Amino acid sequence: MSNQSQKPSVNIGVQKEYEKNSLFRNLCYGLEEEGIPFQYFISEDSDIHKLANDAANESRLNVGISIGDQNNIIIQHKKLDIDQPFIEKRIDEDFQAKIMGSNAARLVKGIPIKDIPLEDEYSRNSIPDQKRANTNKTTNTAKNTAKNKTTEKTKAIESNEASNQAKEEKINAEEVEKITQLVIEALKNN
């Protein structure tokens, strides 16, 4: 039975060598961002399944987490079997640990969990300065090429319009000349 004197929180069982690990800190950040309180305890236990199960059983929120054993993180619910945790994943990146913390909080809240990508969305969006310069240069070249093509098309259209206008003027001039000749002849005949 869980200790009812504790405040409602997610319990985290941490293997001793992970106490100062950045994965542990980021796991806690994920819980904090979701607004779920947590408590942790340091353990010498090498079985992280048992550690997660013990943490869940002691949590008033029925959710426990364990971290250790080659960067494995387990999220466990009190009602699940010890060998069938809610999530068990080997984590190599800090951002993944943060998502695991967020997912533990989401389990408490009863809302959908987040996928754990292999690559951080922020690192995908950050381009080193040299690549950014090359990308900008390529983008500017593409823009200039498009602008030149547009200018060429505009000139061709304007040239075509001018040619059509000249043809129309030539036709109009010829018609005016014919009409003038007809009027002159008609006047002579009168």
C-alpha atoms as a PDB file:
ATOM      1  CA  MET A   1       0.000   0.000   0.000  1.00  0.00           C
ATOM      2  CA  SER A   2       1.294   3.440  -0.820  1.00  0.00           C
ATOM      3  CA  ASN A   3       2.325   5.888   1.829  1.00  0.00           C
ATOM      4  CA  GLN A   4      -0.665   8.263   2.151  1.00  0.00           C
ATOM      5  CA  SER A   5       1.396  10.803   4.095  1.00  0.00           C
ATOM      6  CA  GLN A   6       3.305  11.660   0.905  1.00  0.00           C
ATOM      7  CA  LYS A   7       2.097  14.431  -1.353  1.00  0.00           C
ATOM      8  CA  PRO A   8       0.682  13.222  -4.674  1.00  0.00           C
ATOM      9  CA  SER A   9       3.665  12.841  -6.981  1.00  0.00           C
ATOM     10  CA  VAL A  10       5.362  10.571  -9.468  1.00  0.00           C
ATOM     11  CA  ASN A  11       8.150   8.626  -7.793  1.00  0.00           C
ATOM     12  CA  ILE A  12      11.443   8.130  -9.583  1.00  0.00           C
ATOM     13  CA  GLY A  13      13.841   5.343  -8.643  1.00  0.00           C
ATOM     14  CA  VAL A  14      17.351   6.284  -9.699  1.00  0.00           C
ATOM     15  CA  GLN A  15      20.289   3.906  -9.787  1.00  0.00           C
ATOM     16  CA  LYS A  16      23.160   5.487  -7.856  1.00  0.00           C
ATOM     17  CA  GLU A  17      25.406   6.109 -10.875  1.00  0.00           C
ATOM     18  CA  TYR A  18      22.591   8.101 -12.597  1.00  0.00           C
ATOM     19  CA  GLU A  19      22.039  10.589  -9.749  1.00  0.00           C
ATOM     20  CA  LYS A  20      24.037  13.352 -11.458  1.00  0.00           C
ATOM     21  CA  ASN A  21      23.280  12.232 -15.022  1.00  0.00           C
ATOM     22  CA  SER A  22      21.835  14.710 -17.550  1.00  0.00           C
ATOM     23  CA  LEU A  23      19.231  12.116 -18.605  1.00  0.00           C
ATOM     24  CA  PHE A  24      17.859  12.127 -15.054  1.00  0.00           C
ATOM     25  CA  ARG A  25      17.729  15.949 -14.970  1.00  0.00           C
ATOM     26  CA  ASN A  26      15.919  16.064 -18.320  1.00  0.00           C
ATOM     27  CA  LEU A  27      13.474  13.379 -17.199  1.00  0.00           C
ATOM     28  CA  CYS A  28      12.592  15.686 -14.289  1.00  0.00           C
ATOM     29  CA  TYR A  29      12.277  18.696 -16.654  1.00  0.00           C
ATOM     30  CA  GLY A  30       9.687  16.773 -18.670  1.00  0.00           C
ATOM     31  CA  LEU A  31       7.586  16.172 -15.549  1.00  0.00           C
ATOM     32  CA  GLU A  32       7.946  19.818 -14.488  1.00  0.00           C
ATOM     33  CA  GLU A  33       6.839  21.126 -17.882  1.00  0.00           C
ATOM     34  CA  GLU A  34       3.652  19.089 -17.624  1.00  0.00           C
ATOM     35  CA  GLY A  35       3.058  20.417 -14.092  1.00  0.00           C
ATOM     36  CA  ILE A  36       3.292  17.072 -12.306  1.00  0.00           C
ATOM     37  CA  PRO A  37       5.231  16.946  -9.024  1.00  0.00           C
ATOM     38  CA  PHE A  38       7.837  14.242  -8.502  1.00  0.00           C
ATOM     39  CA  GLN A  39      10.043  12.777  -5.831  1.00  0.00           C
ATOM     40  CA  TYR A  40      13.064  10.591  -6.322  1.00  0.00           C
ATOM     41  CA  PHE A  41      15.066   8.120  -4.358  1.00  0.00           C
ATOM     42  CA  ILE A  42      18.528   6.710  -4.995  1.00  0.00           C
ATOM     43  CA  SER A  43      18.866   2.952  -5.061  1.00  0.00           C
ATOM     44  CA  GLU A  44      21.632   0.376  -5.264  1.00  0.00           C
ATOM     45  CA  ASP A  45      19.141  -2.086  -6.826  1.00  0.00           C
ATOM     46  CA  SER A  46      20.305  -3.358 -10.219  1.00  0.00           C
ATOM     47  CA  ASP A  47      16.821  -4.468 -11.350  1.00  0.00           C
ATOM     48  CA  ILE A  48      15.223  -1.383 -12.883  1.00  0.00           C
ATOM     49  CA  HIS A  49      11.926  -3.239 -13.426  1.00  0.00           C
ATOM     50  CA  LYS A  50      11.651  -3.765  -9.672  1.00  0.00           C
ATOM     51  CA  LEU A  51      12.782  -0.173  -9.091  1.00  0.00           C
ATOM     52  CA  ALA A  52      10.009   1.189 -11.377  1.00  0.00           C
ATOM     53  CA  ASN A  53       7.423  -1.122  -9.821  1.00  0.00           C
ATOM     54  CA  ASP A  54       8.399  -0.069  -6.287  1.00  0.00           C
ATOM     55  CA  ALA A  55       8.242   3.595  -7.331  1.00  0.00           C
ATOM     56  CA  ALA A  56       4.738   3.134  -8.820  1.00  0.00           C
ATOM     57  CA  ASN A  57       3.491   1.264  -5.749  1.00  0.00           C
ATOM     58  CA  GLU A  58       4.705   4.069  -3.457  1.00  0.00           C
ATOM     59  CA  SER A  59       3.258   6.859  -5.616  1.00  0.00           C
ATOM     60  CA  ARG A  60      -0.137   8.338  -4.685  1.00  0.00           C
ATOM     61  CA  LEU A  61      -0.524   9.030  -8.429  1.00  0.00           C
ATOM     62  CA  ASN A  62       0.152   5.317  -9.144  1.00  0.00           C
ATOM     63  CA  VAL A  63       2.977   6.125 -11.576  1.00  0.00           C
ATOM     64  CA  GLY A  64       6.637   5.373 -11.043  1.00  0.00           C
ATOM     65  CA  ILE A  65       9.763   5.743 -13.146  1.00  0.00           C
ATOM     66  CA  SER A  66      13.149   4.113 -12.975  1.00  0.00           C
ATOM     67  CA  ILE A  67      16.356   5.176 -14.667  1.00  0.00           C
ATOM     68  CA  GLY A  68      19.595   3.262 -14.925  1.00  0.00           C
ATOM     69  CA  ASP A  69      20.984   0.044 -16.383  1.00  0.00           C
ATOM     70  CA  GLN A  70      22.662   1.448 -19.539  1.00  0.00           C
ATOM     71  CA  ASN A  71      20.371   4.488 -19.993  1.00  0.00           C
ATOM     72  CA  ASN A  72      17.106   2.555 -19.766  1.00  0.00           C
ATOM     73  CA  ILE A  73      14.063   4.432 -18.534  1.00  0.00           C
ATOM     74  CA  ILE A  74      10.926   2.599 -17.456  1.00  0.00           C
ATOM     75  CA  ILE A  75       7.557   4.227 -16.837  1.00  0.00           C
ATOM     76  CA  GLN A  76       5.386   1.936 -14.727  1.00  0.00           C
ATOM     77  CA  HIS A  77       1.777   2.116 -13.559  1.00  0.00           C
ATOM     78  CA  LYS A  78       0.797   0.488 -10.300  1.00  0.00           C
ATOM     79  CA  LYS A  79      -1.834  -1.691 -12.004  1.00  0.00           C
ATOM     80  CA  LEU A  80       0.557  -3.100 -14.616  1.00  0.00           C
ATOM     81  CA  ASP A  81       2.626  -6.260 -14.256  1.00  0.00           C
ATOM     82  CA  ILE A  82       6.243  -5.696 -13.239  1.00  0.00           C
ATOM     83  CA  ASP A  83       7.508  -7.280 -16.486  1.00  0.00           C
ATOM     84  CA  GLN A  84       5.017  -5.368 -18.680  1.00  0.00           C
ATOM     85  CA  PRO A  85       5.680  -1.669 -17.958  1.00  0.00           C
ATOM     86  CA  PHE A  86       3.809   1.184 -19.625  1.00  0.00           C
ATOM     87  CA  ILE A  87       6.978   2.244 -21.502  1.00  0.00           C
ATOM     88  CA  GLU A  88      10.494   0.856 -21.447  1.00  0.00           C
ATOM     89  CA  LYS A  89      13.091   2.516 -23.640  1.00  0.00           C
ATOM     90  CA  ARG A  90      16.838   2.893 -23.939  1.00  0.00           C
ATOM     91  CA  ILE A  91      17.482   6.627 -24.105  1.00  0.00           C
ATOM     92  CA  ASP A  92      20.611   8.172 -25.591  1.00  0.00           C
ATOM     93  CA  GLU A  93      19.687  11.853 -25.862  1.00  0.00           C
ATOM     94  CA  ASP A  94      18.612  14.411 -23.256  1.00  0.00           C
ATOM     95  CA  PHE A  95      15.592  15.528 -25.287  1.00  0.00           C
ATOM     96  CA  GLN A  96      14.343  11.906 -25.337  1.00  0.00           C
ATOM     97  CA  ALA A  97      14.592  11.705 -21.538  1.00  0.00           C
ATOM     98  CA  LYS A  98      12.578  14.928 -21.303  1.00  0.00           C
ATOM     99  CA  ILE A  99       9.854  13.397 -23.518  1.00  0.00           C
ATOM    100  CA  MET A 100       9.845  10.306 -21.278  1.00  0.00           C
ATOM    101  CA  GLY A 101       9.237  12.550 -18.257  1.00  0.00           C
ATOM    102  CA  SER A 102       6.471  14.305 -20.158  1.00  0.00           C
ATOM    103  CA  ASN A 103       4.934  10.934 -21.060  1.00  0.00           C
ATOM    104  CA  ALA A 104       4.919   9.839 -17.415  1.00  0.00           C
ATOM    105  CA  ALA A 105       3.064  13.064 -16.578  1.00  0.00           C
ATOM    106  CA  ARG A 106       0.646  12.437 -19.452  1.00  0.00           C
ATOM    107  CA  LEU A 107      -0.051   8.966 -18.075  1.00  0.00           C
ATOM    108  CA  VAL A 108      -1.049  10.627 -14.788  1.00  0.00           C
ATOM    109  CA  LYS A 109      -3.251  13.142 -16.651  1.00  0.00           C
ATOM    110  CA  GLY A 110      -4.778  10.497 -18.892  1.00  0.00           C
ATOM    111  CA  ILE A 111      -3.855  12.272 -22.132  1.00  0.00           C
ATOM    112  CA  PRO A 112      -2.076  10.869 -25.231  1.00  0.00           C
ATOM    113  CA  ILE A 113       1.648  10.390 -24.988  1.00  0.00           C
ATOM    114  CA  LYS A 114       4.259  11.833 -27.324  1.00  0.00           C
ATOM    115  CA  ASP A 115       6.352   9.823 -29.767  1.00  0.00           C
ATOM    116  CA  ILE A 116      10.040   9.649 -28.958  1.00  0.00           C
ATOM    117  CA  PRO A 117      11.953  10.615 -32.111  1.00  0.00           C
ATOM    118  CA  LEU A 118      15.546   9.670 -32.796  1.00  0.00           C
ATOM    119  CA  GLU A 119      16.452  13.272 -33.644  1.00  0.00           C
ATOM    120  CA  ASP A 120      15.573  16.467 -31.820  1.00  0.00           C
ATOM    121  CA  GLU A 121      13.313  18.771 -33.861  1.00  0.00           C
ATOM    122  CA  TYR A 122      15.418  21.745 -32.790  1.00  0.00           C
ATOM    123  CA  SER A 123      18.633  20.199 -34.105  1.00  0.00           C
ATOM    124  CA  ARG A 124      16.949  19.447 -37.431  1.00  0.00           C
ATOM    125  CA  ASN A 125      16.022  23.119 -37.726  1.00  0.00           C
ATOM    126  CA  SER A 126      19.403  24.477 -36.703  1.00  0.00           C
ATOM    127  CA  ILE A 127      21.799  24.806 -39.628  1.00  0.00           C
ATOM    128  CA  PRO A 128      25.495  25.507 -39.041  1.00  0.00           C
ATOM    129  CA  ASP A 129      26.614  28.981 -40.183  1.00  0.00           C
ATOM    130  CA  GLN A 130      28.512  27.763 -43.275  1.00  0.00           C
ATOM    131  CA  LYS A 131      25.568  25.664 -44.443  1.00  0.00           C
ATOM    132  CA  ARG A 132      23.213  28.576 -43.726  1.00  0.00           C
ATOM    133  CA  ALA A 133      25.443  30.865 -45.828  1.00  0.00           C
ATOM    134  CA  ASN A 134      25.489  28.315 -48.661  1.00  0.00           C
ATOM    135  CA  THR A 135      21.743  27.832 -48.338  1.00  0.00           C
ATOM    136  CA  ASN A 136      21.188  31.595 -48.447  1.00  0.00           C
ATOM    137  CA  LYS A 137      23.510  31.880 -51.458  1.00  0.00           C
ATOM    138  CA  THR A 138      21.612  29.083 -53.244  1.00  0.00           C
ATOM    139  CA  THR A 139      18.290  30.641 -52.303  1.00  0.00           C
ATOM    140  CA  ASN A 140      19.421  34.066 -53.542  1.00  0.00           C
ATOM    141  CA  THR A 141      20.703  32.539 -56.798  1.00  0.00           C
ATOM    142  CA  ALA A 142      17.379  30.766 -57.270  1.00  0.00           C
ATOM    143  CA  LYS A 143      15.497  33.998 -56.533  1.00  0.00           C
ATOM    144  CA  ASN A 144      17.670  35.942 -59.008  1.00  0.00           C
ATOM    145  CA  THR A 145      17.211  33.262 -61.670  1.00  0.00           C
ATOM    146  CA  ALA A 146      13.455  33.346 -61.158  1.00  0.00           C
ATOM    147  CA  LYS A 147      13.499  37.152 -61.240  1.00  0.00           C
ATOM    148  CA  ASN A 148      15.546  37.142 -64.475  1.00  0.00           C
ATOM    149  CA  LYS A 149      13.166  34.640 -66.064  1.00  0.00           C
ATOM    150  CA  THR A 150      10.213  36.777 -65.015  1.00  0.00           C
ATOM    151  CA  THR A 151      11.922  39.870 -66.437  1.00  0.00           C
ATOM    152  CA  GLU A 152      12.674  38.021 -69.688  1.00  0.00           C
ATOM    153  CA  LYS A 153       9.037  36.873 -69.924  1.00  0.00           C
ATOM    154  CA  THR A 154       7.825  40.401 -69.205  1.00  0.00           C
ATOM    155  CA  LYS A 155      10.126  41.806 -71.903  1.00  0.00           C
ATOM    156  CA  ALA A 156       8.957  39.161 -74.383  1.00  0.00           C
ATOM    157  CA  ILE A 157       5.323  39.975 -73.621  1.00  0.00           C
ATOM    158  CA  GLU A 158       5.988  43.707 -73.916  1.00  0.00           C
ATOM    159  CA  SER A 159       7.877  43.136 -77.179  1.00  0.00           C
ATOM    160  CA  ASN A 160       5.054  40.997 -78.499  1.00  0.00           C
ATOM    161  CA  GLU A 161       2.519  43.630 -77.483  1.00  0.00           C
ATOM    162  CA  ALA A 162       4.599  46.353 -79.169  1.00  0.00           C
ATOM    163  CA  SER A 163       4.835  44.255 -82.323  1.00  0.00           C
ATOM    164  CA  ASN A 164       1.083  43.687 -82.308  1.00  0.00           C
ATOM    165  CA  GLN A 165       0.482  47.387 -81.733  1.00  0.00           C
ATOM    166  CA  ALA A 166       2.808  48.275 -84.627  1.00  0.00           C
ATOM    167  CA  LYS A 167       0.940  45.831 -86.879  1.00  0.00           C
ATOM    168  CA  GLU A 168      -2.366  47.342 -85.830  1.00  0.00           C
ATOM    169  CA  GLU A 169      -1.024  50.839 -86.462  1.00  0.00           C
ATOM    170  CA  LYS A 170       0.254  49.760 -89.893  1.00  0.00           C
ATOM    171  CA  ILE A 171      -3.135  48.265 -90.730  1.00  0.00           C
ATOM    172  CA  ASN A 172      -4.873  51.383 -89.431  1.00  0.00           C
ATOM    173  CA  ALA A 173      -2.514  53.625 -91.433  1.00  0.00           C
ATOM    174  CA  GLU A 174      -3.150  51.625 -94.600  1.00  0.00           C
ATOM    175  CA  GLU A 175      -6.911  51.747 -94.018  1.00  0.00           C
ATOM    176  CA  VAL A 176      -6.763  55.486 -93.353  1.00  0.00           C
ATOM    177  CA  GLU A 177      -4.753  55.972 -96.549  1.00  0.00           C
ATOM    178  CA  LYS A 178      -7.272  53.907 -98.561  1.00  0.00           C
ATOM    179  CA  ILE A 179     -10.191  55.816 -97.085  1.00  0.00           C
ATOM    180  CA  THR A 180      -8.422  59.101 -97.774  1.00  0.00           C
ATOM    181  CA  GLN A 181      -7.828  58.069-101.417  1.00  0.00           C
ATOM    182  CA  LEU A 182     -11.490  57.081-101.762  1.00  0.00           C
ATOM    183  CA  VAL A 183     -12.631  60.418-100.328  1.00  0.00           C
ATOM    184  CA  ILE A 184     -10.277  62.357-102.614  1.00  0.00           C
ATOM    185  CA  GLU A 185     -11.527  60.449-105.691  1.00  0.00           C
ATOM    186  CA  ALA A 186     -15.115  60.973-104.653  1.00  0.00           C
ATOM    187  CA  LEU A 187     -14.537  64.691-104.310  1.00  0.00           C
ATOM    188  CA  LYS A 188     -12.886  64.877-107.748  1.00  0.00           C
ATOM    189  CA  ASN A 189     -15.833  63.122-109.307  1.00  0.00           C
ATOM    190  CA  ASN A 190     -18.310  65.544-107.867  1.00  0.00           C
END
